[in-house]
């Protein structure tokens, strides 16, 4: 997964896979998702990210499932 933030347009772009985009759907006025031919999520774009997604800070945490 890759997250890119474009400060000049206040746009966040989250890339989940590198599969080819088949369709883009508007989820709301400022949120769009890209889907592959099977309907799987490829990318998500959030316009006006600071206002719409509270994007003032980004952190990443991977939670591992430990079995006993």
N, C-alpha and C. Protein backbone atom coordinates (compact mmCIF):
# COMPACT_ATOMS: atom_id res chain seq x y z
N UNK A 1 0.85 -1.17 0.00
CA UNK A 1 0.00 0.00 0.00
C UNK A 1 0.89 1.23 0.00
N UNK A 2 0.48 2.22 -0.77
CA UNK A 2 1.19 3.49 -0.84
C UNK A 2 0.20 4.62 -0.56
N UNK A 3 0.64 5.59 0.22
CA UNK A 3 -0.17 6.77 0.48
C UNK A 3 0.62 7.98 0.00
N UNK A 4 -0.02 8.79 -0.83
CA UNK A 4 0.60 10.01 -1.34
C UNK A 4 -0.29 11.18 -0.94
N UNK A 5 0.35 12.27 -0.51
CA UNK A 5 -0.40 13.48 -0.18
C UNK A 5 0.15 14.62 -1.02
N UNK A 6 -0.74 15.30 -1.71
CA UNK A 6 -0.38 16.42 -2.57
C UNK A 6 -0.84 17.71 -1.88
N UNK A 7 0.09 18.41 -1.24
CA UNK A 7 -0.26 19.58 -0.45
C UNK A 7 -0.80 20.73 -1.30
N UNK A 8 -0.36 20.83 -2.55
CA UNK A 8 -0.83 21.92 -3.40
C UNK A 8 -2.32 21.84 -3.70
N UNK A 9 -2.88 20.63 -3.69
CA UNK A 9 -4.32 20.46 -3.94
C UNK A 9 -5.05 19.87 -2.73
N UNK A 10 -4.32 19.61 -1.63
CA UNK A 10 -4.89 18.99 -0.43
C UNK A 10 -5.61 17.70 -0.78
N UNK A 11 -4.92 16.86 -1.55
CA UNK A 11 -5.48 15.59 -2.02
C UNK A 11 -4.66 14.43 -1.50
N UNK A 12 -5.35 13.42 -0.98
CA UNK A 12 -4.69 12.18 -0.55
C UNK A 12 -5.04 11.08 -1.53
N UNK A 13 -4.04 10.28 -1.88
CA UNK A 13 -4.24 9.17 -2.80
C UNK A 13 -3.68 7.91 -2.12
N UNK A 14 -4.55 6.91 -1.94
CA UNK A 14 -4.15 5.65 -1.31
C UNK A 14 -4.19 4.57 -2.38
N UNK A 15 -3.04 3.96 -2.63
CA UNK A 15 -2.93 2.89 -3.63
C UNK A 15 -2.84 1.56 -2.89
N UNK A 16 -3.85 0.71 -3.07
CA UNK A 16 -3.88 -0.58 -2.39
C UNK A 16 -3.19 -1.67 -3.21
N UNK A 17 -3.34 -1.62 -4.52
CA UNK A 17 -2.69 -2.58 -5.41
C UNK A 17 -2.27 -1.85 -6.67
N UNK A 18 -1.54 -2.54 -7.52
CA UNK A 18 -1.14 -1.94 -8.80
C UNK A 18 -1.92 -2.54 -9.97
N UNK A 19 -3.07 -3.15 -9.67
CA UNK A 19 -3.90 -3.70 -10.74
C UNK A 19 -4.47 -2.58 -11.61
N UNK A 20 -4.85 -2.94 -12.80
CA UNK A 20 -5.39 -1.97 -13.75
C UNK A 20 -6.78 -1.51 -13.30
N UNK A 21 -7.02 -0.21 -13.37
CA UNK A 21 -8.31 0.36 -12.99
C UNK A 21 -9.29 0.17 -14.13
N UNK A 22 -10.46 -0.38 -13.78
CA UNK A 22 -11.52 -0.61 -14.75
C UNK A 22 -12.64 0.41 -14.64
N UNK A 23 -12.84 0.90 -13.40
CA UNK A 23 -13.97 1.80 -13.14
C UNK A 23 -13.66 2.71 -11.95
N UNK A 24 -14.10 3.94 -12.02
CA UNK A 24 -13.99 4.87 -10.90
C UNK A 24 -15.41 5.21 -10.43
N UNK A 25 -15.61 5.12 -9.11
CA UNK A 25 -16.92 5.45 -8.53
C UNK A 25 -16.78 6.62 -7.58
N UNK A 26 -17.74 7.53 -7.64
CA UNK A 26 -17.79 8.65 -6.72
C UNK A 26 -18.57 8.20 -5.49
N UNK A 27 -17.89 8.19 -4.35
CA UNK A 27 -18.51 7.77 -3.10
C UNK A 27 -19.23 8.96 -2.47
N UNK A 28 -18.61 10.12 -2.52
CA UNK A 28 -19.21 11.38 -2.09
C UNK A 28 -18.59 12.47 -2.95
N UNK A 29 -18.91 13.71 -2.65
CA UNK A 29 -18.43 14.82 -3.48
C UNK A 29 -16.91 14.87 -3.58
N UNK A 30 -16.20 14.41 -2.55
CA UNK A 30 -14.74 14.51 -2.53
C UNK A 30 -14.01 13.19 -2.34
N UNK A 31 -14.72 12.08 -2.45
CA UNK A 31 -14.10 10.77 -2.26
C UNK A 31 -14.43 9.88 -3.47
N UNK A 32 -13.37 9.32 -4.05
CA UNK A 32 -13.52 8.47 -5.23
C UNK A 32 -12.75 7.17 -5.00
N UNK A 33 -13.30 6.07 -5.51
CA UNK A 33 -12.58 4.80 -5.47
C UNK A 33 -12.42 4.26 -6.88
N UNK A 34 -11.29 3.61 -7.10
CA UNK A 34 -11.02 2.95 -8.37
C UNK A 34 -11.11 1.45 -8.14
N UNK A 35 -11.79 0.76 -9.06
CA UNK A 35 -11.99 -0.68 -8.97
C UNK A 35 -11.37 -1.38 -10.17
N UNK A 36 -10.94 -2.62 -9.96
CA UNK A 36 -10.45 -3.41 -11.08
C UNK A 36 -11.64 -4.08 -11.78
N UNK A 37 -11.38 -4.90 -12.78
CA UNK A 37 -12.44 -5.53 -13.56
C UNK A 37 -13.31 -6.47 -12.73
N UNK A 38 -12.80 -6.97 -11.61
CA UNK A 38 -13.56 -7.87 -10.74
C UNK A 38 -14.28 -7.12 -9.62
N UNK A 39 -14.14 -5.79 -9.59
CA UNK A 39 -14.80 -4.99 -8.57
C UNK A 39 -14.00 -4.83 -7.29
N UNK A 40 -12.73 -5.24 -7.32
CA UNK A 40 -11.87 -5.09 -6.14
C UNK A 40 -11.28 -3.69 -6.07
N UNK A 41 -11.10 -3.20 -4.85
CA UNK A 41 -10.56 -1.86 -4.62
C UNK A 41 -9.10 -1.78 -5.06
N UNK A 42 -8.78 -0.76 -5.85
CA UNK A 42 -7.42 -0.52 -6.32
C UNK A 42 -6.85 0.73 -5.66
N UNK A 43 -7.57 1.85 -5.76
CA UNK A 43 -7.14 3.15 -5.23
C UNK A 43 -8.31 3.87 -4.57
N UNK A 44 -7.97 4.83 -3.72
CA UNK A 44 -8.95 5.75 -3.16
C UNK A 44 -8.35 7.15 -3.20
N UNK A 45 -9.14 8.11 -3.62
CA UNK A 45 -8.71 9.50 -3.67
C UNK A 45 -9.62 10.33 -2.79
N UNK A 46 -9.01 11.16 -1.93
CA UNK A 46 -9.77 12.04 -1.05
C UNK A 46 -9.34 13.47 -1.34
N UNK A 47 -10.25 14.25 -1.90
CA UNK A 47 -9.98 15.65 -2.17
C UNK A 47 -10.30 16.46 -0.92
N UNK A 48 -9.61 17.58 -0.73
CA UNK A 48 -9.75 18.41 0.48
C UNK A 48 -9.55 17.52 1.71
N UNK A 49 -8.45 16.77 1.71
CA UNK A 49 -8.20 15.72 2.68
C UNK A 49 -8.10 16.22 4.12
N UNK A 50 -7.52 17.36 4.34
CA UNK A 50 -7.41 17.87 5.71
C UNK A 50 -8.78 18.13 6.30
N UNK A 51 -9.67 18.68 5.50
CA UNK A 51 -11.02 18.99 5.97
C UNK A 51 -11.90 17.75 6.02
N UNK A 52 -11.88 16.93 4.96
CA UNK A 52 -12.82 15.82 4.83
C UNK A 52 -12.39 14.55 5.55
N UNK A 53 -11.09 14.37 5.73
CA UNK A 53 -10.61 13.13 6.36
C UNK A 53 -9.80 13.41 7.62
N UNK A 54 -9.74 14.67 8.04
CA UNK A 54 -8.95 15.00 9.22
C UNK A 54 -7.49 14.65 9.05
N UNK A 55 -7.00 14.78 7.83
CA UNK A 55 -5.63 14.38 7.51
C UNK A 55 -4.64 15.46 7.93
N UNK A 56 -4.35 15.50 9.21
CA UNK A 56 -3.31 16.39 9.70
C UNK A 56 -2.11 15.59 10.17
N UNK A 57 -2.32 14.28 10.31
CA UNK A 57 -1.26 13.38 10.76
C UNK A 57 -1.52 12.02 10.14
N UNK A 58 -0.45 11.31 9.81
CA UNK A 58 -0.58 9.97 9.26
C UNK A 58 0.33 9.04 10.05
N UNK A 59 -0.22 7.90 10.44
CA UNK A 59 0.60 6.89 11.10
C UNK A 59 0.22 5.52 10.57
N UNK A 60 1.12 4.58 10.74
CA UNK A 60 0.92 3.23 10.23
C UNK A 60 1.26 2.25 11.34
N UNK A 61 0.40 1.28 11.54
CA UNK A 61 0.64 0.25 12.55
C UNK A 61 0.21 -1.08 11.98
N UNK A 62 1.12 -2.02 11.93
CA UNK A 62 0.79 -3.37 11.49
C UNK A 62 0.56 -4.22 12.72
N UNK A 63 -0.60 -4.84 12.81
CA UNK A 63 -0.94 -5.68 13.94
C UNK A 63 -0.74 -7.12 13.51
N UNK A 64 0.13 -7.82 14.23
CA UNK A 64 0.41 -9.21 13.91
C UNK A 64 -0.41 -10.11 14.82
N UNK A 65 -0.94 -11.16 14.25
CA UNK A 65 -1.72 -12.13 15.01
C UNK A 65 -0.77 -13.21 15.50
N UNK A 66 -0.53 -13.24 16.80
CA UNK A 66 0.37 -14.25 17.37
C UNK A 66 -0.45 -15.42 17.88
N UNK A 67 -0.09 -16.61 17.47
CA UNK A 67 -0.78 -17.81 17.95
C UNK A 67 0.08 -18.46 19.02
N UNK A 68 -0.56 -19.09 20.00
CA UNK A 68 0.18 -19.71 21.09
C UNK A 68 0.37 -21.18 20.86
